Every structure is written in C-alpha cells, then in structure tokens.
Amino acid sequence: MASVFSASAQTYGPKDEGRRFNDGTKVVCKNVEVQRNSKDPNRIAGTATGAVVGGLLGNQVGGGSGKKIATVAGAVAGGAAGRQIQGNSQSKNGDRIVERQCYRR
C-alpha cells in the first residue's frame, strides 16, 4: 500500500523561477552570498584545542577537589573560546561566492 504523504522536501532551481502552483504560491529566486571553503565547519579543531589549553591552565589553579573543578571549568571555557576564535577566523578567511537560491513562496 503506497503512502499518501511524501516525506521528502521539494527543491527548486533557477529553471523553476516564476513557476506557479494551484494554491497561489510561486517559485522565487534570489542571489545569496555564501561561504564555501571551510575545512572544519563544525569547528572541532578549535574546540578541542581550546579545551586542552583551558584544562591545562585550570589544572594550575587550586588544590584537591578545587583543582578538579578548576580543570573542568577551564576545559569548558577554553573549548567555548576556541570554537569562537576558529569561527571568527573562518568567517574572515573563507571564500565567499554568490549562488542563486530558489524557494516556494
């Protein structure tokens, strides 16, 4: 028995621009600037490096259980900082291109 509902989303390209549908919607396209050459889009390297450095610095603080808490806090803070720094670097150094994106409206 075939399903009545389709789970896949329809995609549209520039060739569909202006296409009208029975519900009154149509395909509209616009030029959008996008970044393309990011080798690490999830910023894993920056997060991992920041966590290691932050953990090492946090380990230098306090003693006993306070040292463990400082190490964990340093790793978390360092990971967040590393992710942010890598993201800033990628947005400055990435190749930006203009691509035509189409959607139904």
C-alpha atoms as a PDB file:
ATOM      1  CA  MET A   1       0.000   0.000   0.000  1.00  0.00           C
ATOM      2  CA  ALA A   2       1.502   3.330  -1.050  1.00  0.00           C
ATOM      3  CA  SER A   3       1.681   6.212   1.394  1.00  0.00           C
ATOM      4  CA  VAL A   4      -0.430   9.257   0.617  1.00  0.00           C
ATOM      5  CA  PHE A   5       2.063  11.627   2.256  1.00  0.00           C
ATOM      6  CA  SER A   6       5.570  12.251   0.960  1.00  0.00           C
ATOM      7  CA  ALA A   7       8.361  12.765   3.483  1.00  0.00           C
ATOM      8  CA  SER A   8      10.794  14.346   1.032  1.00  0.00           C
ATOM      9  CA  ALA A   9      11.044  18.101   0.599  1.00  0.00           C
ATOM     10  CA  GLN A  10      10.855  19.581  -2.880  1.00  0.00           C
ATOM     11  CA  THR A  11      13.843  21.609  -4.044  1.00  0.00           C
ATOM     12  CA  TYR A  12      13.700  24.244  -6.748  1.00  0.00           C
ATOM     13  CA  GLY A  13      16.337  25.655  -9.062  1.00  0.00           C
ATOM     14  CA  PRO A  14      16.664  28.747 -11.256  1.00  0.00           C
ATOM     15  CA  LYS A  15      14.868  26.911 -14.096  1.00  0.00           C
ATOM     16  CA  ASP A  16      11.749  26.786 -11.873  1.00  0.00           C
ATOM     17  CA  GLU A  17      11.702  30.549 -11.237  1.00  0.00           C
ATOM     18  CA  GLY A  18       8.232  32.005 -11.776  1.00  0.00           C
ATOM     19  CA  ARG A  19       6.531  28.578 -11.717  1.00  0.00           C
ATOM     20  CA  ARG A  20       3.039  28.943 -10.227  1.00  0.00           C
ATOM     21  CA  PHE A  21       1.075  26.403  -8.205  1.00  0.00           C
ATOM     22  CA  ASN A  22      -2.649  25.851  -7.710  1.00  0.00           C
ATOM     23  CA  ASP A  23      -2.508  27.187  -4.148  1.00  0.00           C
ATOM     24  CA  GLY A  24      -1.348  30.611  -5.406  1.00  0.00           C
ATOM     25  CA  THR A  25       2.311  30.196  -4.471  1.00  0.00           C
ATOM     26  CA  LYS A  26       5.190  30.501  -6.902  1.00  0.00           C
ATOM     27  CA  VAL A  27       8.918  29.813  -7.052  1.00  0.00           C
ATOM     28  CA  VAL A  28      11.035  32.875  -6.254  1.00  0.00           C
ATOM     29  CA  CYS A  29      14.837  33.016  -6.671  1.00  0.00           C
ATOM     30  CA  LYS A  30      17.407  35.420  -5.269  1.00  0.00           C
ATOM     31  CA  ASN A  31      21.186  35.773  -5.184  1.00  0.00           C
ATOM     32  CA  VAL A  32      22.694  34.900  -1.797  1.00  0.00           C
ATOM     33  CA  GLU A  33      26.313  35.266  -0.650  1.00  0.00           C
ATOM     34  CA  VAL A  34      27.577  32.029   0.934  1.00  0.00           C
ATOM     35  CA  GLN A  35      30.913  30.875   2.338  1.00  0.00           C
ATOM     36  CA  ARG A  36      32.309  27.790   0.691  1.00  0.00           C
ATOM     37  CA  ASN A  37      35.780  26.564   1.626  1.00  0.00           C
ATOM     38  CA  SER A  38      35.552  25.819   5.331  1.00  0.00           C
ATOM     39  CA  LYS A  39      37.529  22.629   6.028  1.00  0.00           C
ATOM     40  CA  ASP A  40      36.110  22.298   9.549  1.00  0.00           C
ATOM     41  CA  PRO A  41      32.552  23.711   9.513  1.00  0.00           C
ATOM     42  CA  ASN A  42      31.767  22.296  12.975  1.00  0.00           C
ATOM     43  CA  ARG A  43      34.904  23.951  14.429  1.00  0.00           C
ATOM     44  CA  ILE A  44      36.054  20.727  16.079  1.00  0.00           C
ATOM     45  CA  ALA A  45      39.764  21.605  15.958  1.00  0.00           C
ATOM     46  CA  GLY A  46      39.273  24.970  17.681  1.00  0.00           C
ATOM     47  CA  THR A  47      37.005  23.477  20.327  1.00  0.00           C
ATOM     48  CA  ALA A  48      39.377  20.591  21.100  1.00  0.00           C
ATOM     49  CA  THR A  49      42.478  22.793  21.203  1.00  0.00           C
ATOM     50  CA  GLY A  50      40.752  25.353  23.423  1.00  0.00           C
ATOM     51  CA  ALA A  51      39.526  22.624  25.779  1.00  0.00           C
ATOM     52  CA  VAL A  52      43.010  21.150  26.169  1.00  0.00           C
ATOM     53  CA  VAL A  53      44.640  24.528  26.777  1.00  0.00           C
ATOM     54  CA  GLY A  54      41.851  25.608  29.145  1.00  0.00           C
ATOM     55  CA  GLY A  55      42.076  22.322  31.059  1.00  0.00           C
ATOM     56  CA  LEU A  56      45.835  22.671  31.437  1.00  0.00           C
ATOM     57  CA  LEU A  57      45.501  26.239  32.686  1.00  0.00           C
ATOM     58  CA  GLY A  58      42.652  25.297  35.040  1.00  0.00           C
ATOM     59  CA  ASN A  59      44.758  22.465  36.438  1.00  0.00           C
ATOM     60  CA  GLN A  60      47.293  25.028  37.652  1.00  0.00           C
ATOM     61  CA  VAL A  61      44.719  26.581  39.991  1.00  0.00           C
ATOM     62  CA  GLY A  62      43.750  25.386  43.474  1.00  0.00           C
ATOM     63  CA  GLY A  63      44.307  22.049  45.170  1.00  0.00           C
ATOM     64  CA  GLY A  64      42.325  18.881  45.968  1.00  0.00           C
ATOM     65  CA  SER A  65      38.769  18.828  44.642  1.00  0.00           C
ATOM     66  CA  GLY A  66      39.050  22.542  43.796  1.00  0.00           C
ATOM     67  CA  LYS A  67      41.769  21.648  41.319  1.00  0.00           C
ATOM     68  CA  LYS A  68      39.464  19.149  39.591  1.00  0.00           C
ATOM     69  CA  ILE A  69      36.657  21.702  39.377  1.00  0.00           C
ATOM     70  CA  ALA A  70      39.052  24.339  38.017  1.00  0.00           C
ATOM     71  CA  THR A  71      40.351  21.866  35.402  1.00  0.00           C
ATOM     72  CA  VAL A  72      36.842  21.039  34.184  1.00  0.00           C
ATOM     73  CA  ALA A  73      35.787  24.700  34.198  1.00  0.00           C
ATOM     74  CA  GLY A  74      38.952  25.630  32.301  1.00  0.00           C
ATOM     75  CA  ALA A  75      38.301  22.937  29.702  1.00  0.00           C
ATOM     76  CA  VAL A  76      34.707  24.074  29.173  1.00  0.00           C
ATOM     77  CA  ALA A  77      35.633  27.753  28.945  1.00  0.00           C
ATOM     78  CA  GLY A  78      38.632  27.002  26.723  1.00  0.00           C
ATOM     79  CA  GLY A  79      36.522  24.878  24.394  1.00  0.00           C
ATOM     80  CA  ALA A  80      33.954  27.655  24.014  1.00  0.00           C
ATOM     81  CA  ALA A  81      36.663  30.249  23.404  1.00  0.00           C
ATOM     82  CA  GLY A  82      38.468  28.022  20.892  1.00  0.00           C
ATOM     83  CA  ARG A  83      35.251  27.419  18.967  1.00  0.00           C
ATOM     84  CA  GLN A  84      34.526  31.148  18.823  1.00  0.00           C
ATOM     85  CA  ILE A  85      38.066  32.030  17.738  1.00  0.00           C
ATOM     86  CA  GLN A  86      38.041  29.432  14.968  1.00  0.00           C
ATOM     87  CA  GLY A  87      34.627  30.637  13.794  1.00  0.00           C
ATOM     88  CA  ASN A  88      35.853  34.235  13.591  1.00  0.00           C
ATOM     89  CA  SER A  89      38.934  33.137  11.660  1.00  0.00           C
ATOM     90  CA  GLN A  90      36.896  31.065   9.207  1.00  0.00           C
ATOM     91  CA  SER A  91      34.449  33.877   8.516  1.00  0.00           C
ATOM     92  CA  LYS A  92      37.331  36.268   7.743  1.00  0.00           C
ATOM     93  CA  ASN A  93      39.361  33.842   5.607  1.00  0.00           C
ATOM     94  CA  GLY A  94      36.649  31.866   3.811  1.00  0.00           C
ATOM     95  CA  ASP A  95      35.832  32.156   0.133  1.00  0.00           C
ATOM     96  CA  ARG A  96      32.525  33.843  -0.425  1.00  0.00           C
ATOM     97  CA  ILE A  97      30.544  33.179  -3.568  1.00  0.00           C
ATOM     98  CA  VAL A  98      27.153  34.281  -4.805  1.00  0.00           C
ATOM     99  CA  GLU A  99      24.733  31.477  -5.550  1.00  0.00           C
ATOM    100  CA  ARG A 100      21.152  31.546  -6.763  1.00  0.00           C
ATOM    101  CA  GLN A 101      18.726  30.025  -4.224  1.00  0.00           C
ATOM    102  CA  CYS A 102      15.103  29.322  -5.050  1.00  0.00           C
ATOM    103  CA  TYR A 103      12.147  28.616  -2.786  1.00  0.00           C
ATOM    104  CA  ARG A 104       8.379  28.410  -2.965  1.00  0.00           C
ATOM    105  CA  ARG A 105       6.510  31.416  -1.643  1.00  0.00           C
END
